[in-house]
Amino acid sequence: MSYADEIQAIYDRWDRDVRQRSREQALRAALVASYETRFGAVPDAVRAALEATEDEHTLFGWVPLFTAAPARDIGAAVLGTST
């Protein structure tokens, strides 16, 4: 592999990682906005759990919950507790 190929591979990994983090951050922002619209301020524990979640599929899976479920169910799902 040439030096240019190595640099390109590094750039491609960096670009993929930045795009992934951007999608995750956008999902977190949408979840927070949905919660705040429905209930007001997001509890600190829920906000911290959202920020700690790095799996895009998990975040995306919470979208229906944040848009339709009661606050207690959202908290339970995000914090991993039962209602």
PDB file of N, CA and C in Angstrom:
ATOM      1  N   MET A   1       0.850  -1.171   0.000  1.00  0.00           N
ATOM      2  CA  MET A   1       0.000   0.000   0.000  1.00  0.00           C
ATOM      3  C   MET A   1       0.900   1.241   0.000  1.00  0.00           C
ATOM      4  N   SER A   2       0.591   2.157  -0.877  1.00  0.00           N
ATOM      5  CA  SER A   2       1.397   3.376  -0.983  1.00  0.00           C
ATOM      6  C   SER A   2       1.053   4.333   0.161  1.00  0.00           C
ATOM      7  N   TYR A   3       1.908   5.309   0.339  1.00  0.00           N
ATOM      8  CA  TYR A   3       1.681   6.336   1.361  1.00  0.00           C
ATOM      9  C   TYR A   3       0.362   7.065   1.104  1.00  0.00           C
ATOM     10  N   ALA A   4       0.085   7.369  -0.158  1.00  0.00           N
ATOM     11  CA  ALA A   4      -1.165   8.047  -0.513  1.00  0.00           C
ATOM     12  C   ALA A   4      -2.375   7.170  -0.174  1.00  0.00           C
ATOM     13  N   ASP A   5      -2.256   5.872  -0.409  1.00  0.00           N
ATOM     14  CA  ASP A   5      -3.345   4.944  -0.075  1.00  0.00           C
ATOM     15  C   ASP A   5      -3.563   4.888   1.434  1.00  0.00           C
ATOM     16  N   GLU A   6      -2.469   4.885   2.195  1.00  0.00           N
ATOM     17  CA  GLU A   6      -2.576   4.872   3.662  1.00  0.00           C
ATOM     18  C   GLU A   6      -3.255   6.140   4.164  1.00  0.00           C
ATOM     19  N   ILE A   7      -2.857   7.272   3.611  1.00  0.00           N
ATOM     20  CA  ILE A   7      -3.475   8.548   3.997  1.00  0.00           C
ATOM     21  C   ILE A   7      -4.960   8.540   3.640  1.00  0.00           C
ATOM     22  N   GLN A   8      -5.288   8.036   2.474  1.00  0.00           N
ATOM     23  CA  GLN A   8      -6.692   7.966   2.053  1.00  0.00           C
ATOM     24  C   GLN A   8      -7.492   7.066   2.994  1.00  0.00           C
ATOM     25  N   ALA A   9      -6.919   5.933   3.376  1.00  0.00           N
ATOM     26  CA  ALA A   9      -7.608   5.019   4.291  1.00  0.00           C
ATOM     27  C   ALA A   9      -7.838   5.676   5.648  1.00  0.00           C
ATOM     28  N   ILE A  10      -6.845   6.398   6.136  1.00  0.00           N
ATOM     29  CA  ILE A  10      -6.989   7.118   7.407  1.00  0.00           C
ATOM     30  C   ILE A  10      -8.083   8.169   7.285  1.00  0.00           C
ATOM     31  N   TYR A  11      -8.065   8.916   6.207  1.00  0.00           N
ATOM     32  CA  TYR A  11      -9.089   9.934   5.988  1.00  0.00           C
ATOM     33  C   TYR A  11     -10.477   9.305   5.903  1.00  0.00           C
ATOM     34  N   ASP A  12     -10.589   8.209   5.183  1.00  0.00           N
ATOM     35  CA  ASP A  12     -11.894   7.543   5.026  1.00  0.00           C
ATOM     36  C   ASP A  12     -12.431   7.080   6.374  1.00  0.00           C
ATOM     37  N   ARG A  13     -11.574   6.508   7.236  1.00  0.00           N
ATOM     38  CA  ARG A  13     -12.003   6.096   8.579  1.00  0.00           C
ATOM     39  C   ARG A  13     -12.440   7.301   9.396  1.00  0.00           C
ATOM     40  N   TRP A  14     -11.647   8.367   9.345  1.00  0.00           N
ATOM     41  CA  TRP A  14     -11.980   9.592  10.081  1.00  0.00           C
ATOM     42  C   TRP A  14     -13.319  10.157   9.601  1.00  0.00           C
ATOM     43  N   ASP A  15     -13.498  10.232   8.291  1.00  0.00           N
ATOM     44  CA  ASP A  15     -14.739  10.763   7.726  1.00  0.00           C
ATOM     45  C   ASP A  15     -15.934   9.920   8.152  1.00  0.00           C
ATOM     46  N   ARG A  16     -15.800   8.612   8.103  1.00  0.00           N
ATOM     47  CA  ARG A  16     -16.877   7.701   8.507  1.00  0.00           C
ATOM     48  C   ARG A  16     -17.212   7.895   9.993  1.00  0.00           C
ATOM     49  N   ASP A  17     -16.179   8.017  10.828  1.00  0.00           N
ATOM     50  CA  ASP A  17     -16.390   8.212  12.265  1.00  0.00           C
ATOM     51  C   ASP A  17     -17.071   9.549  12.554  1.00  0.00           C
ATOM     52  N   VAL A  18     -16.648  10.598  11.877  1.00  0.00           N
ATOM     53  CA  VAL A  18     -17.257  11.920  12.082  1.00  0.00           C
ATOM     54  C   VAL A  18     -18.720  11.901  11.656  1.00  0.00           C
ATOM     55  N   ARG A  19     -19.001  11.291  10.528  1.00  0.00           N
ATOM     56  CA  ARG A  19     -20.396  11.204  10.063  1.00  0.00           C
ATOM     57  C   ARG A  19     -21.252  10.400  11.037  1.00  0.00           C
ATOM     58  N   GLN A  20     -20.716   9.309  11.563  1.00  0.00           N
ATOM     59  CA  GLN A  20     -21.439   8.486  12.532  1.00  0.00           C
ATOM     60  C   GLN A  20     -21.740   9.296  13.797  1.00  0.00           C
ATOM     61  N   ARG A  21     -20.748   9.978  14.320  1.00  0.00           N
ATOM     62  CA  ARG A  21     -20.957  10.791  15.531  1.00  0.00           C
ATOM     63  C   ARG A  21     -21.948  11.909  15.265  1.00  0.00           C
ATOM     64  N   SER A  22     -21.931  12.468  14.084  1.00  0.00           N
ATOM     65  CA  SER A  22     -22.877  13.536  13.731  1.00  0.00           C
ATOM     66  C   SER A  22     -24.312  13.011  13.697  1.00  0.00           C
ATOM     67  N   ARG A  23     -24.493  11.823  13.134  1.00  0.00           N
ATOM     68  CA  ARG A  23     -25.840  11.223  13.110  1.00  0.00           C
ATOM     69  C   ARG A  23     -26.324  10.940  14.524  1.00  0.00           C
ATOM     70  N   GLU A  24     -25.433  10.398  15.355  1.00  0.00           N
ATOM     71  CA  GLU A  24     -25.802  10.107  16.743  1.00  0.00           C
ATOM     72  C   GLU A  24     -26.166  11.388  17.485  1.00  0.00           C
ATOM     73  N   GLN A  25     -25.385  12.430  17.302  1.00  0.00           N
ATOM     74  CA  GLN A  25     -25.662  13.697  17.972  1.00  0.00           C
ATOM     75  C   GLN A  25     -26.977  14.297  17.497  1.00  0.00           C
ATOM     76  N   ALA A  26     -27.261  14.182  16.217  1.00  0.00           N
ATOM     77  CA  ALA A  26     -28.536  14.690  15.690  1.00  0.00           C
ATOM     78  C   ALA A  26     -29.712  13.913  16.272  1.00  0.00           C
ATOM     79  N   LEU A  27     -29.563  12.604  16.401  1.00  0.00           N
ATOM     80  CA  LEU A  27     -30.618  11.799  17.021  1.00  0.00           C
ATOM     81  C   LEU A  27     -30.817  12.203  18.479  1.00  0.00           C
ATOM     82  N   ARG A  28     -29.722  12.383  19.211  1.00  0.00           N
ATOM     83  CA  ARG A  28     -29.835  12.822  20.608  1.00  0.00           C
ATOM     84  C   ARG A  28     -30.564  14.156  20.696  1.00  0.00           C
ATOM     85  N   ALA A  29     -30.210  15.090  19.842  1.00  0.00           N
ATOM     86  CA  ALA A  29     -30.851  16.408  19.852  1.00  0.00           C
ATOM     87  C   ALA A  29     -32.336  16.292  19.552  1.00  0.00           C
ATOM     88  N   ALA A  30     -32.705  15.432  18.622  1.00  0.00           N
ATOM     89  CA  ALA A  30     -34.121  15.240  18.288  1.00  0.00           C
ATOM     90  C   ALA A  30     -34.870  14.611  19.458  1.00  0.00           C
ATOM     91  N   LEU A  31     -34.245  13.665  20.130  1.00  0.00           N
ATOM     92  CA  LEU A  31     -34.883  13.040  21.284  1.00  0.00           C
ATOM     93  C   LEU A  31     -35.084  14.052  22.411  1.00  0.00           C
ATOM     94  N   VAL A  32     -34.080  14.853  22.676  1.00  0.00           N
ATOM     95  CA  VAL A  32     -34.194  15.889  23.708  1.00  0.00           C
ATOM     96  C   VAL A  32     -35.290  16.879  23.339  1.00  0.00           C
ATOM     97  N   ALA A  33     -35.321  17.317  22.094  1.00  0.00           N
ATOM     98  CA  ALA A  33     -36.344  18.276  21.655  1.00  0.00           C
ATOM     99  C   ALA A  33     -37.741  17.678  21.802  1.00  0.00           C
ATOM    100  N   SER A  34     -37.895  16.419  21.454  1.00  0.00           N
ATOM    101  CA  SER A  34     -39.188  15.763  21.589  1.00  0.00           C
ATOM    102  C   SER A  34     -39.616  15.698  23.050  1.00  0.00           C
ATOM    103  N   TYR A  35     -38.695  15.295  23.908  1.00  0.00           N
ATOM    104  CA  TYR A  35     -39.002  15.205  25.346  1.00  0.00           C
ATOM    105  C   TYR A  35     -39.379  16.579  25.889  1.00  0.00           C
ATOM    106  N   GLU A  36     -38.565  17.571  25.581  1.00  0.00           N
ATOM    107  CA  GLU A  36     -38.818  18.922  26.100  1.00  0.00           C
ATOM    108  C   GLU A  36     -40.138  19.493  25.598  1.00  0.00           C
ATOM    109  N   THR A  37     -40.501  19.191  24.380  1.00  0.00           N
ATOM    110  CA  THR A  37     -41.769  19.660  23.830  1.00  0.00           C
ATOM    111  C   THR A  37     -42.942  19.036  24.585  1.00  0.00           C
ATOM    112  N   ARG A  38     -42.805  17.789  24.931  1.00  0.00           N
ATOM    113  CA  ARG A  38     -43.905  17.077  25.584  1.00  0.00           C
ATOM    114  C   ARG A  38     -43.949  17.283  27.092  1.00  0.00           C
ATOM    115  N   PHE A  39     -42.784  17.331  27.755  1.00  0.00           N
ATOM    116  CA  PHE A  39     -42.758  17.280  29.217  1.00  0.00           C
ATOM    117  C   PHE A  39     -41.990  18.413  29.892  1.00  0.00           C
ATOM    118  N   GLY A  40     -41.240  19.192  29.153  1.00  0.00           N
ATOM    119  CA  GLY A  40     -40.370  20.198  29.770  1.00  0.00           C
ATOM    120  C   GLY A  40     -38.951  19.668  29.862  1.00  0.00           C
ATOM    121  N   ALA A  41     -38.228  20.142  30.836  1.00  0.00           N
ATOM    122  CA  ALA A  41     -36.808  19.812  30.972  1.00  0.00           C
ATOM    123  C   ALA A  41     -36.581  18.303  31.091  1.00  0.00           C
ATOM    124  N   VAL A  42     -35.542  17.843  30.424  1.00  0.00           N
ATOM    125  CA  VAL A  42     -35.151  16.436  30.490  1.00  0.00           C
ATOM    126  C   VAL A  42     -34.450  16.206  31.828  1.00  0.00           C
ATOM    127  N   PRO A  43     -34.872  15.188  32.575  1.00  0.00           N
ATOM    128  CA  PRO A  43     -34.169  14.892  33.829  1.00  0.00           C
ATOM    129  C   PRO A  43     -32.678  14.644  33.581  1.00  0.00           C
ATOM    130  N   ASP A  44     -31.866  15.076  34.528  1.00  0.00           N
ATOM    131  CA  ASP A  44     -30.412  14.948  34.371  1.00  0.00           C
ATOM    132  C   ASP A  44     -29.974  13.513  34.092  1.00  0.00           C
ATOM    133  N   ALA A  45     -30.573  12.546  34.773  1.00  0.00           N
ATOM    134  CA  ALA A  45     -30.179  11.148  34.577  1.00  0.00           C
ATOM    135  C   ALA A  45     -30.501  10.680  33.156  1.00  0.00           C
ATOM    136  N   VAL A  46     -31.652  11.095  32.632  1.00  0.00           N
ATOM    137  CA  VAL A  46     -32.033  10.721  31.266  1.00  0.00           C
ATOM    138  C   VAL A  46     -31.098  11.391  30.269  1.00  0.00           C
ATOM    139  N   ARG A  47     -30.822  12.670  30.491  1.00  0.00           N
ATOM    140  CA  ARG A  47     -29.905  13.392  29.594  1.00  0.00           C
ATOM    141  C   ARG A  47     -28.526  12.732  29.596  1.00  0.00           C
ATOM    142  N   ALA A  48     -28.025  12.376  30.771  1.00  0.00           N
ATOM    143  CA  ALA A  48     -26.708  11.735  30.870  1.00  0.00           C
ATOM    144  C   ALA A  48     -26.701  10.388  30.149  1.00  0.00           C
ATOM    145  N   ALA A  49     -27.781   9.625  30.292  1.00  0.00           N
ATOM    146  CA  ALA A  49     -27.863   8.329  29.613  1.00  0.00           C
ATOM    147  C   ALA A  49     -27.904   8.511  28.101  1.00  0.00           C
ATOM    148  N   LEU A  50     -28.632   9.529  27.637  1.00  0.00           N
ATOM    149  CA  LEU A  50     -28.659   9.816  26.197  1.00  0.00           C
ATOM    150  C   LEU A  50     -27.259  10.144  25.691  1.00  0.00           C
ATOM    151  N   GLU A  51     -26.567  11.006  26.418  1.00  0.00           N
ATOM    152  CA  GLU A  51     -25.220  11.416  25.993  1.00  0.00           C
ATOM    153  C   GLU A  51     -24.242  10.243  26.009  1.00  0.00           C
ATOM    154  N   ALA A  52     -24.468   9.287  26.895  1.00  0.00           N
ATOM    155  CA  ALA A  52     -23.566   8.142  26.999  1.00  0.00           C
ATOM    156  C   ALA A  52     -23.861   7.062  25.953  1.00  0.00           C
ATOM    157  N   THR A  53     -25.019   7.133  25.323  1.00  0.00           N
ATOM    158  CA  THR A  53     -25.405   6.120  24.339  1.00  0.00           C
ATOM    159  C   THR A  53     -24.774   6.449  22.994  1.00  0.00           C
ATOM    160  N   GLU A  54     -23.952   5.546  22.517  1.00  0.00           N
ATOM    161  CA  GLU A  54     -23.229   5.757  21.268  1.00  0.00           C
ATOM    162  C   GLU A  54     -23.725   4.862  20.143  1.00  0.00           C
ATOM    163  N   ASP A  55     -24.761   4.076  20.400  1.00  0.00           N
ATOM    164  CA  ASP A  55     -25.280   3.166  19.388  1.00  0.00           C
ATOM    165  C   ASP A  55     -26.438   3.829  18.644  1.00  0.00           C
ATOM    166  N   GLU A  56     -26.224   4.087  17.366  1.00  0.00           N
ATOM    167  CA  GLU A  56     -27.223   4.762  16.543  1.00  0.00           C
ATOM    168  C   GLU A  56     -28.536   3.989  16.488  1.00  0.00           C
ATOM    169  N   HIS A  57     -28.471   2.681  16.446  1.00  0.00           N
ATOM    170  CA  HIS A  57     -29.684   1.870  16.372  1.00  0.00           C
ATOM    171  C   HIS A  57     -30.507   1.992  17.658  1.00  0.00           C
ATOM    172  N   THR A  58     -29.841   2.037  18.790  1.00  0.00           N
ATOM    173  CA  THR A  58     -30.544   2.231  20.062  1.00  0.00           C
ATOM    174  C   THR A  58     -31.206   3.594  20.087  1.00  0.00           C
ATOM    175  N   LEU A  59     -30.465   4.629  19.715  1.00  0.00           N
ATOM    176  CA  LEU A  59     -31.023   5.981  19.706  1.00  0.00           C
ATOM    177  C   LEU A  59     -32.216   6.058  18.763  1.00  0.00           C
ATOM    178  N   PHE A  60     -32.076   5.513  17.583  1.00  0.00           N
ATOM    179  CA  PHE A  60     -33.175   5.536  16.619  1.00  0.00           C
ATOM    180  C   PHE A  60     -34.373   4.749  17.141  1.00  0.00           C
ATOM    181  N   GLY A  61     -34.107   3.657  17.820  1.00  0.00           N
ATOM    182  CA  GLY A  61     -35.177   2.849  18.388  1.00  0.00           C
ATOM    183  C   GLY A  61     -35.972   3.572  19.462  1.00  0.00           C
ATOM    184  N   TRP A  62     -35.384   4.575  20.080  1.00  0.00           N
ATOM    185  CA  TRP A  62     -36.076   5.347  21.114  1.00  0.00           C
ATOM    186  C   TRP A  62     -36.991   6.426  20.541  1.00  0.00           C
ATOM    187  N   VAL A  63     -36.903   6.698  19.250  1.00  0.00           N
ATOM    188  CA  VAL A  63     -37.721   7.765  18.652  1.00  0.00           C
ATOM    189  C   VAL A  63     -39.213   7.557  18.912  1.00  0.00           C
ATOM    190  N   PRO A  64     -39.792   6.381  18.624  1.00  0.00           N
ATOM    191  CA  PRO A  64     -41.227   6.218  18.908  1.00  0.00           C
ATOM    192  C   PRO A  64     -41.565   6.394  20.386  1.00  0.00           C
ATOM    193  N   LEU A  65     -40.674   5.940  21.242  1.00  0.00           N
ATOM    194  CA  LEU A  65     -40.874   6.066  22.679  1.00  0.00           C
ATOM    195  C   LEU A  65     -40.937   7.538  23.088  1.00  0.00           C
ATOM    196  N   PHE A  66     -39.978   8.322  22.616  1.00  0.00           N
ATOM    197  CA  PHE A  66     -39.910   9.733  22.988  1.00  0.00           C
ATOM    198  C   PHE A  66     -41.062  10.546  22.393  1.00  0.00           C
ATOM    199  N   THR A  67     -41.651  10.047  21.326  1.00  0.00           N
ATOM    200  CA  THR A  67     -42.739  10.808  20.703  1.00  0.00           C
ATOM    201  C   THR A  67     -44.119  10.376  21.179  1.00  0.00           C
ATOM    202  N   ALA A  68     -44.233   9.221  21.855  1.00  0.00           N
ATOM    203  CA  ALA A  68     -45.572   8.755  22.225  1.00  0.00           C
ATOM    204  C   ALA A  68     -45.719   8.246  23.651  1.00  0.00           C
ATOM    205  N   ALA A  69     -44.664   7.785  24.275  1.00  0.00           N
ATOM    206  CA  ALA A  69     -44.776   7.147  25.591  1.00  0.00           C
ATOM    207  C   ALA A  69     -44.802   8.175  26.723  1.00  0.00           C
ATOM    208  N   PRO A  70     -45.332   7.763  27.877  1.00  0.00           N
ATOM    209  CA  PRO A  70     -45.268   8.640  29.057  1.00  0.00           C
ATOM    210  C   PRO A  70     -43.818   8.829  29.516  1.00  0.00           C
ATOM    211  N   ALA A  71     -43.564   9.912  30.215  1.00  0.00           N
ATOM    212  CA  ALA A  71     -42.215  10.243  30.685  1.00  0.00           C
ATOM    213  C   ALA A  71     -41.619   9.111  31.516  1.00  0.00           C
ATOM    214  N   ARG A  72     -42.407   8.470  32.351  1.00  0.00           N
ATOM    215  CA  ARG A  72     -41.873   7.396  33.208  1.00  0.00           C
ATOM    216  C   ARG A  72     -41.371   6.221  32.363  1.00  0.00           C
ATOM    217  N   ASP A  73     -42.069   5.910  31.255  1.00  0.00           N
ATOM    218  CA  ASP A  73     -41.641   4.819  30.377  1.00  0.00           C
ATOM    219  C   ASP A  73     -40.362   5.187  29.638  1.00  0.00           C
ATOM    220  N   ILE A  74     -40.247   6.435  29.242  1.00  0.00           N
ATOM    221  CA  ILE A  74     -39.022   6.907  28.587  1.00  0.00           C
ATOM    222  C   ILE A  74     -37.854   6.767  29.549  1.00  0.00           C
ATOM    223  N   GLY A  75     -38.031   7.272  30.755  1.00  0.00           N
ATOM    224  CA  GLY A  75     -36.973   7.166  31.762  1.00  0.00           C
ATOM    225  C   GLY A  75     -36.580   5.732  32.021  1.00  0.00           C
ATOM    226  N   ALA A  76     -37.569   4.871  32.153  1.00  0.00           N
ATOM    227  CA  ALA A  76     -37.283   3.462  32.429  1.00  0.00           C
ATOM    228  C   ALA A  76     -36.487   2.823  31.284  1.00  0.00           C
ATOM    229  N   ALA A  77     -36.873   3.122  30.052  1.00  0.00           N
ATOM    230  CA  ALA A  77     -36.180   2.535  28.892  1.00  0.00           C
ATOM    231  C   ALA A  77     -34.746   3.054  28.783  1.00  0.00           C
ATOM    232  N   VAL A  78     -34.586   4.349  28.928  1.00  0.00           N
ATOM    233  CA  VAL A  78     -33.264   4.955  28.755  1.00  0.00           C
ATOM    234  C   VAL A  78     -32.329   4.587  29.901  1.00  0.00           C
ATOM    235  N   LEU A  79     -32.885   4.504  31.103  1.00  0.00           N
ATOM    236  CA  LEU A  79     -32.079   4.202  32.286  1.00  0.00           C
ATOM    237  C   LEU A  79     -31.960   2.704  32.562  1.00  0.00           C
ATOM    238  N   GLY A  80     -32.709   1.898  31.772  1.00  0.00           N
ATOM    239  CA  GLY A  80     -32.637   0.458  31.939  1.00  0.00           C
ATOM    240  C   GLY A  80     -33.302  -0.047  33.194  1.00  0.00           C
ATOM    241  N   THR A  81     -34.346   0.645  33.623  1.00  0.00           N
ATOM    242  CA  THR A  81     -35.091   0.220  34.812  1.00  0.00           C
ATOM    243  C   THR A  81     -36.489  -0.199  34.393  1.00  0.00           C
ATOM    244  N   SER A  82     -37.215  -0.827  35.283  1.00  0.00           N
ATOM    245  CA  SER A  82     -38.599  -1.208  34.966  1.00  0.00           C
ATOM    246  C   SER A  82     -39.551  -0.148  35.508  1.00  0.00           C
ATOM    247  N   THR A  83     -40.718  -0.069  34.870  1.00  0.00           N
ATOM    248  CA  THR A  83     -41.717   0.923  35.302  1.00  0.00           C
ATOM    249  C   THR A  83     -42.573   0.383  36.403  1.00  0.00           C
TER     250      THR A  83
END
